[in-house]
Amino acid sequence: MYQEDQIKEEICTIGKWLSDRFFVAATDGNISFRLEDNSVWITPTNVNKGLLTPERIIRVDLEGNLLEGNFLPSSEVKMHTEIYKARPNICAVVHAHPPYSTAFAAA
C-alpha cells in the first residue's frame, strides 16, 4: 500500500518526466491515482506538469467534486473518473500529448 505523500511525490515525478520529454506542453495533460476509498489524487487545472509540487495535487471523488486542495480540477477530471468507474482494476491514469502520437491522430 502506498502512503498518500508518496503518491503525490510520484505524480510530481511523472509530471516532470513528461514535461522533460516534451510529452506535454505548458499545462496539457493530467495524472491521477485512485485511492482505496475511491477518491482520486489528480493534477489540477492550469498547472505546468514540470512544475508540480505535492501541495498542488488535489483530491476529488469519483464525481469530480473537490475533496482536498487549493486548486480547481481540470475539465478532464471526468475522463479520469469515468475510467475508474468503468475499470475497477485501474489505479492510475496518465493523459499526455506525445508529439508523434498527436501527429498520428491528427493525420
N, C-alpha and C. Protein backbone atom coordinates (compact mmCIF):
# COMPACT_ATOMS: atom_id res chain seq x y z
N MET A 1 0.85 -1.18 0.00
CA MET A 1 0.00 0.00 0.00
C MET A 1 0.89 1.24 0.00
N TYR A 2 0.51 2.22 -0.79
CA TYR A 2 1.25 3.47 -0.88
C TYR A 2 0.79 4.45 0.18
N GLN A 3 1.71 5.25 0.67
CA GLN A 3 1.37 6.36 1.54
C GLN A 3 0.94 7.53 0.65
N GLU A 4 0.01 8.32 1.10
CA GLU A 4 -0.52 9.40 0.27
C GLU A 4 0.54 10.42 -0.11
N ASP A 5 1.47 10.74 0.78
CA ASP A 5 2.55 11.67 0.44
C ASP A 5 3.43 11.10 -0.67
N GLN A 6 3.66 9.79 -0.62
CA GLN A 6 4.46 9.12 -1.64
C GLN A 6 3.76 9.18 -3.00
N ILE A 7 2.46 9.01 -3.00
CA ILE A 7 1.69 9.08 -4.25
C ILE A 7 1.81 10.47 -4.87
N LYS A 8 1.65 11.50 -4.07
CA LYS A 8 1.75 12.87 -4.60
C LYS A 8 3.15 13.15 -5.12
N GLU A 9 4.19 12.65 -4.45
CA GLU A 9 5.56 12.81 -4.94
C GLU A 9 5.74 12.10 -6.28
N GLU A 10 5.18 10.90 -6.40
CA GLU A 10 5.28 10.15 -7.65
C GLU A 10 4.56 10.87 -8.79
N ILE A 11 3.41 11.45 -8.51
CA ILE A 11 2.69 12.22 -9.53
C ILE A 11 3.57 13.38 -10.01
N CYS A 12 4.24 14.06 -9.08
CA CYS A 12 5.13 15.17 -9.46
C CYS A 12 6.30 14.66 -10.29
N THR A 13 6.87 13.52 -9.93
CA THR A 13 7.97 12.93 -10.68
C THR A 13 7.54 12.58 -12.10
N ILE A 14 6.37 12.00 -12.23
CA ILE A 14 5.84 11.66 -13.56
C ILE A 14 5.59 12.92 -14.37
N GLY A 15 5.05 13.96 -13.74
CA GLY A 15 4.82 15.23 -14.42
C GLY A 15 6.12 15.82 -14.95
N LYS A 16 7.16 15.78 -14.15
CA LYS A 16 8.47 16.30 -14.59
C LYS A 16 9.00 15.46 -15.74
N TRP A 17 8.87 14.15 -15.64
CA TRP A 17 9.33 13.25 -16.70
C TRP A 17 8.60 13.57 -18.01
N LEU A 18 7.29 13.71 -17.96
CA LEU A 18 6.51 14.03 -19.15
C LEU A 18 6.93 15.38 -19.75
N SER A 19 7.12 16.36 -18.89
CA SER A 19 7.50 17.69 -19.36
C SER A 19 8.90 17.68 -19.97
N ASP A 20 9.85 17.03 -19.30
CA ASP A 20 11.23 16.99 -19.78
C ASP A 20 11.35 16.30 -21.14
N ARG A 21 10.44 15.39 -21.42
CA ARG A 21 10.48 14.65 -22.69
C ARG A 21 9.51 15.21 -23.73
N PHE A 22 8.94 16.38 -23.41
CA PHE A 22 8.02 17.08 -24.32
C PHE A 22 6.78 16.25 -24.66
N PHE A 23 6.33 15.42 -23.70
CA PHE A 23 5.10 14.66 -23.89
C PHE A 23 3.88 15.49 -23.50
N VAL A 24 4.11 16.62 -22.85
CA VAL A 24 3.06 17.59 -22.55
C VAL A 24 3.66 18.97 -22.77
N ALA A 25 2.83 19.91 -23.16
CA ALA A 25 3.27 21.29 -23.33
C ALA A 25 2.47 22.17 -22.38
N ALA A 26 3.17 23.11 -21.78
CA ALA A 26 2.53 24.06 -20.88
C ALA A 26 1.68 23.33 -19.84
N THR A 27 0.37 23.50 -19.89
CA THR A 27 -0.50 22.90 -18.86
C THR A 27 -1.28 21.69 -19.39
N ASP A 28 -0.85 21.13 -20.53
CA ASP A 28 -1.54 19.98 -21.12
C ASP A 28 -1.48 18.75 -20.20
N GLY A 29 -2.40 17.84 -20.43
CA GLY A 29 -2.37 16.52 -19.81
C GLY A 29 -2.76 16.52 -18.34
N ASN A 30 -2.89 15.32 -17.81
CA ASN A 30 -3.23 15.12 -16.40
C ASN A 30 -2.69 13.78 -15.93
N ILE A 31 -2.47 13.69 -14.63
CA ILE A 31 -2.01 12.46 -13.99
C ILE A 31 -2.90 12.24 -12.78
N SER A 32 -3.38 11.01 -12.60
CA SER A 32 -4.22 10.73 -11.44
C SER A 32 -3.91 9.35 -10.86
N PHE A 33 -4.31 9.17 -9.60
CA PHE A 33 -4.12 7.90 -8.90
C PHE A 33 -5.33 7.67 -8.01
N ARG A 34 -5.95 6.49 -8.17
CA ARG A 34 -7.13 6.17 -7.35
C ARG A 34 -6.69 5.56 -6.03
N LEU A 35 -7.31 6.03 -4.96
CA LEU A 35 -7.03 5.51 -3.62
C LEU A 35 -8.03 4.42 -3.26
N GLU A 36 -7.73 3.71 -2.20
CA GLU A 36 -8.59 2.59 -1.78
C GLU A 36 -10.02 3.02 -1.46
N ASP A 37 -10.22 4.27 -1.03
CA ASP A 37 -11.57 4.74 -0.70
C ASP A 37 -12.29 5.29 -1.93
N ASN A 38 -11.71 5.07 -3.13
CA ASN A 38 -12.25 5.53 -4.41
C ASN A 38 -12.19 7.04 -4.58
N SER A 39 -11.41 7.72 -3.76
CA SER A 39 -11.10 9.11 -4.07
C SER A 39 -9.87 9.10 -4.97
N VAL A 40 -9.56 10.25 -5.56
CA VAL A 40 -8.51 10.31 -6.58
C VAL A 40 -7.61 11.51 -6.33
N TRP A 41 -6.30 11.27 -6.30
CA TRP A 41 -5.34 12.37 -6.36
C TRP A 41 -5.15 12.69 -7.83
N ILE A 42 -5.24 13.96 -8.20
CA ILE A 42 -5.13 14.34 -9.61
C ILE A 42 -4.47 15.72 -9.73
N THR A 43 -3.79 15.92 -10.84
CA THR A 43 -3.18 17.22 -11.11
C THR A 43 -4.30 18.24 -11.38
N PRO A 44 -4.11 19.47 -10.92
CA PRO A 44 -5.15 20.49 -11.10
C PRO A 44 -5.08 21.14 -12.46
N THR A 45 -6.05 21.96 -12.75
CA THR A 45 -6.08 22.71 -14.00
C THR A 45 -5.04 23.82 -13.98
N ASN A 46 -4.56 24.16 -15.18
CA ASN A 46 -3.66 25.31 -15.39
C ASN A 46 -2.37 25.27 -14.59
N VAL A 47 -1.81 24.07 -14.40
CA VAL A 47 -0.52 23.94 -13.73
C VAL A 47 0.42 23.16 -14.65
N ASN A 48 1.59 23.73 -14.92
CA ASN A 48 2.59 23.06 -15.74
C ASN A 48 3.03 21.78 -15.04
N LYS A 49 2.99 20.67 -15.75
CA LYS A 49 3.32 19.38 -15.15
C LYS A 49 4.77 19.29 -14.71
N GLY A 50 5.65 20.05 -15.35
CA GLY A 50 7.05 20.06 -14.95
C GLY A 50 7.32 20.85 -13.68
N LEU A 51 6.34 21.64 -13.25
CA LEU A 51 6.50 22.48 -12.07
C LEU A 51 5.60 22.06 -10.91
N LEU A 52 5.08 20.84 -10.98
CA LEU A 52 4.19 20.36 -9.93
C LEU A 52 4.91 20.23 -8.59
N THR A 53 4.18 20.48 -7.52
CA THR A 53 4.64 20.19 -6.17
C THR A 53 3.53 19.42 -5.47
N PRO A 54 3.86 18.63 -4.45
CA PRO A 54 2.81 17.86 -3.76
C PRO A 54 1.66 18.70 -3.25
N GLU A 55 1.94 19.95 -2.88
CA GLU A 55 0.89 20.83 -2.35
C GLU A 55 -0.13 21.19 -3.42
N ARG A 56 0.24 21.07 -4.68
CA ARG A 56 -0.67 21.42 -5.78
C ARG A 56 -1.57 20.27 -6.19
N ILE A 57 -1.25 19.05 -5.79
CA ILE A 57 -2.07 17.90 -6.16
C ILE A 57 -3.37 17.97 -5.36
N ILE A 58 -4.49 17.75 -6.03
CA ILE A 58 -5.79 17.85 -5.37
C ILE A 58 -6.44 16.48 -5.29
N ARG A 59 -7.43 16.38 -4.42
CA ARG A 59 -8.17 15.13 -4.24
C ARG A 59 -9.62 15.36 -4.60
N VAL A 60 -10.17 14.45 -5.42
CA VAL A 60 -11.57 14.53 -5.83
C VAL A 60 -12.24 13.20 -5.56
N ASP A 61 -13.58 13.21 -5.56
CA ASP A 61 -14.32 11.95 -5.50
C ASP A 61 -14.58 11.49 -6.93
N LEU A 62 -15.25 10.36 -7.09
CA LEU A 62 -15.49 9.81 -8.43
C LEU A 62 -16.51 10.60 -9.23
N GLU A 63 -17.09 11.62 -8.63
CA GLU A 63 -17.97 12.53 -9.37
C GLU A 63 -17.22 13.80 -9.77
N GLY A 64 -15.96 13.90 -9.38
CA GLY A 64 -15.14 15.06 -9.73
C GLY A 64 -15.23 16.21 -8.75
N ASN A 65 -15.91 15.98 -7.61
CA ASN A 65 -16.04 17.03 -6.60
C ASN A 65 -14.75 17.17 -5.80
N LEU A 66 -14.30 18.39 -5.60
CA LEU A 66 -13.08 18.66 -4.85
C LEU A 66 -13.25 18.25 -3.39
N LEU A 67 -12.33 17.41 -2.90
CA LEU A 67 -12.35 16.98 -1.51
C LEU A 67 -11.22 17.61 -0.71
N GLU A 68 -10.11 17.88 -1.40
CA GLU A 68 -8.94 18.39 -0.70
C GLU A 68 -8.05 19.15 -1.68
N GLY A 69 -7.51 20.27 -1.23
CA GLY A 69 -6.59 21.04 -2.05
C GLY A 69 -7.10 22.44 -2.32
N ASN A 70 -6.19 23.28 -2.83
CA ASN A 70 -6.49 24.69 -3.04
C ASN A 70 -6.58 25.08 -4.51
N PHE A 71 -6.61 24.10 -5.38
CA PHE A 71 -6.69 24.36 -6.82
C PHE A 71 -7.95 23.70 -7.37
N LEU A 72 -8.32 24.07 -8.58
CA LEU A 72 -9.52 23.51 -9.21
C LEU A 72 -9.17 22.29 -10.06
N PRO A 73 -10.09 21.33 -10.14
CA PRO A 73 -9.86 20.19 -11.03
C PRO A 73 -9.93 20.61 -12.49
N SER A 74 -9.20 19.91 -13.31
CA SER A 74 -9.26 20.12 -14.75
C SER A 74 -10.61 19.68 -15.29
N SER A 75 -10.99 20.19 -16.45
CA SER A 75 -12.21 19.72 -17.10
C SER A 75 -12.07 18.25 -17.49
N GLU A 76 -10.84 17.76 -17.57
CA GLU A 76 -10.59 16.37 -17.93
C GLU A 76 -10.73 15.40 -16.76
N VAL A 77 -11.06 15.93 -15.58
CA VAL A 77 -11.24 15.07 -14.41
C VAL A 77 -12.32 14.02 -14.69
N LYS A 78 -13.33 14.38 -15.48
CA LYS A 78 -14.42 13.44 -15.78
C LYS A 78 -13.92 12.24 -16.58
N MET A 79 -12.96 12.48 -17.48
CA MET A 79 -12.38 11.37 -18.24
C MET A 79 -11.70 10.39 -17.27
N HIS A 80 -10.94 10.92 -16.33
CA HIS A 80 -10.24 10.07 -15.37
C HIS A 80 -11.24 9.29 -14.50
N THR A 81 -12.23 10.00 -13.95
CA THR A 81 -13.17 9.33 -13.05
C THR A 81 -14.03 8.31 -13.79
N GLU A 82 -14.39 8.57 -15.04
CA GLU A 82 -15.16 7.59 -15.81
C GLU A 82 -14.34 6.32 -16.06
N ILE A 83 -13.05 6.48 -16.30
CA ILE A 83 -12.18 5.31 -16.46
C ILE A 83 -12.17 4.51 -15.16
N TYR A 84 -12.02 5.18 -14.03
CA TYR A 84 -12.01 4.48 -12.75
C TYR A 84 -13.34 3.78 -12.46
N LYS A 85 -14.43 4.41 -12.83
CA LYS A 85 -15.75 3.78 -12.63
C LYS A 85 -15.91 2.55 -13.51
N ALA A 86 -15.48 2.65 -14.75
CA ALA A 86 -15.65 1.54 -15.70
C ALA A 86 -14.67 0.40 -15.45
N ARG A 87 -13.52 0.71 -14.91
CA ARG A 87 -12.47 -0.29 -14.73
C ARG A 87 -11.95 -0.29 -13.30
N PRO A 88 -12.59 -1.04 -12.41
CA PRO A 88 -12.17 -1.07 -11.01
C PRO A 88 -10.73 -1.55 -10.80
N ASN A 89 -10.17 -2.22 -11.79
CA ASN A 89 -8.80 -2.73 -11.66
C ASN A 89 -7.74 -1.68 -12.01
N ILE A 90 -8.15 -0.54 -12.53
CA ILE A 90 -7.22 0.52 -12.89
C ILE A 90 -7.00 1.43 -11.68
N CYS A 91 -5.73 1.72 -11.36
CA CYS A 91 -5.47 2.59 -10.21
C CYS A 91 -4.73 3.87 -10.58
N ALA A 92 -4.33 4.03 -11.86
CA ALA A 92 -3.66 5.26 -12.26
C ALA A 92 -3.95 5.55 -13.73
N VAL A 93 -4.00 6.84 -14.07
CA VAL A 93 -4.22 7.28 -15.45
C VAL A 93 -3.24 8.41 -15.74
N VAL A 94 -2.56 8.30 -16.89
CA VAL A 94 -1.69 9.37 -17.36
C VAL A 94 -2.23 9.80 -18.72
N HIS A 95 -2.60 11.06 -18.83
CA HIS A 95 -3.10 11.63 -20.08
C HIS A 95 -2.03 12.60 -20.57
N ALA A 96 -1.37 12.24 -21.66
CA ALA A 96 -0.29 13.07 -22.20
C ALA A 96 -0.55 13.39 -23.67
N HIS A 97 0.32 14.17 -24.25
CA HIS A 97 0.20 14.58 -25.64
C HIS A 97 1.54 14.38 -26.35
N PRO A 98 2.03 13.13 -26.44
CA PRO A 98 3.31 12.92 -27.13
C PRO A 98 3.21 13.40 -28.58
N PRO A 99 4.23 14.11 -29.06
CA PRO A 99 4.14 14.71 -30.40
C PRO A 99 3.85 13.71 -31.52
N TYR A 100 4.51 12.57 -31.51
CA TYR A 100 4.29 11.61 -32.59
C TYR A 100 2.89 11.03 -32.55
N SER A 101 2.40 10.73 -31.36
CA SER A 101 1.04 10.20 -31.23
C SER A 101 0.01 11.25 -31.62
N THR A 102 0.25 12.48 -31.23
CA THR A 102 -0.67 13.56 -31.58
C THR A 102 -0.68 13.80 -33.08
N ALA A 103 0.49 13.77 -33.70
CA ALA A 103 0.58 13.95 -35.16
C ALA A 103 -0.13 12.81 -35.88
N PHE A 104 0.06 11.59 -35.39
CA PHE A 104 -0.60 10.42 -35.99
C PHE A 104 -2.11 10.56 -35.88
N ALA A 105 -2.59 10.95 -34.72
CA ALA A 105 -4.03 11.10 -34.51
C ALA A 105 -4.61 12.20 -35.40
N ALA A 106 -3.85 13.28 -35.56
CA ALA A 106 -4.30 14.38 -36.41
C ALA A 106 -4.33 14.01 -37.88
N ALA A 107 -3.42 13.12 -38.26
CA ALA A 107 -3.34 12.70 -39.68
C ALA A 107 -4.52 11.80 -39.98
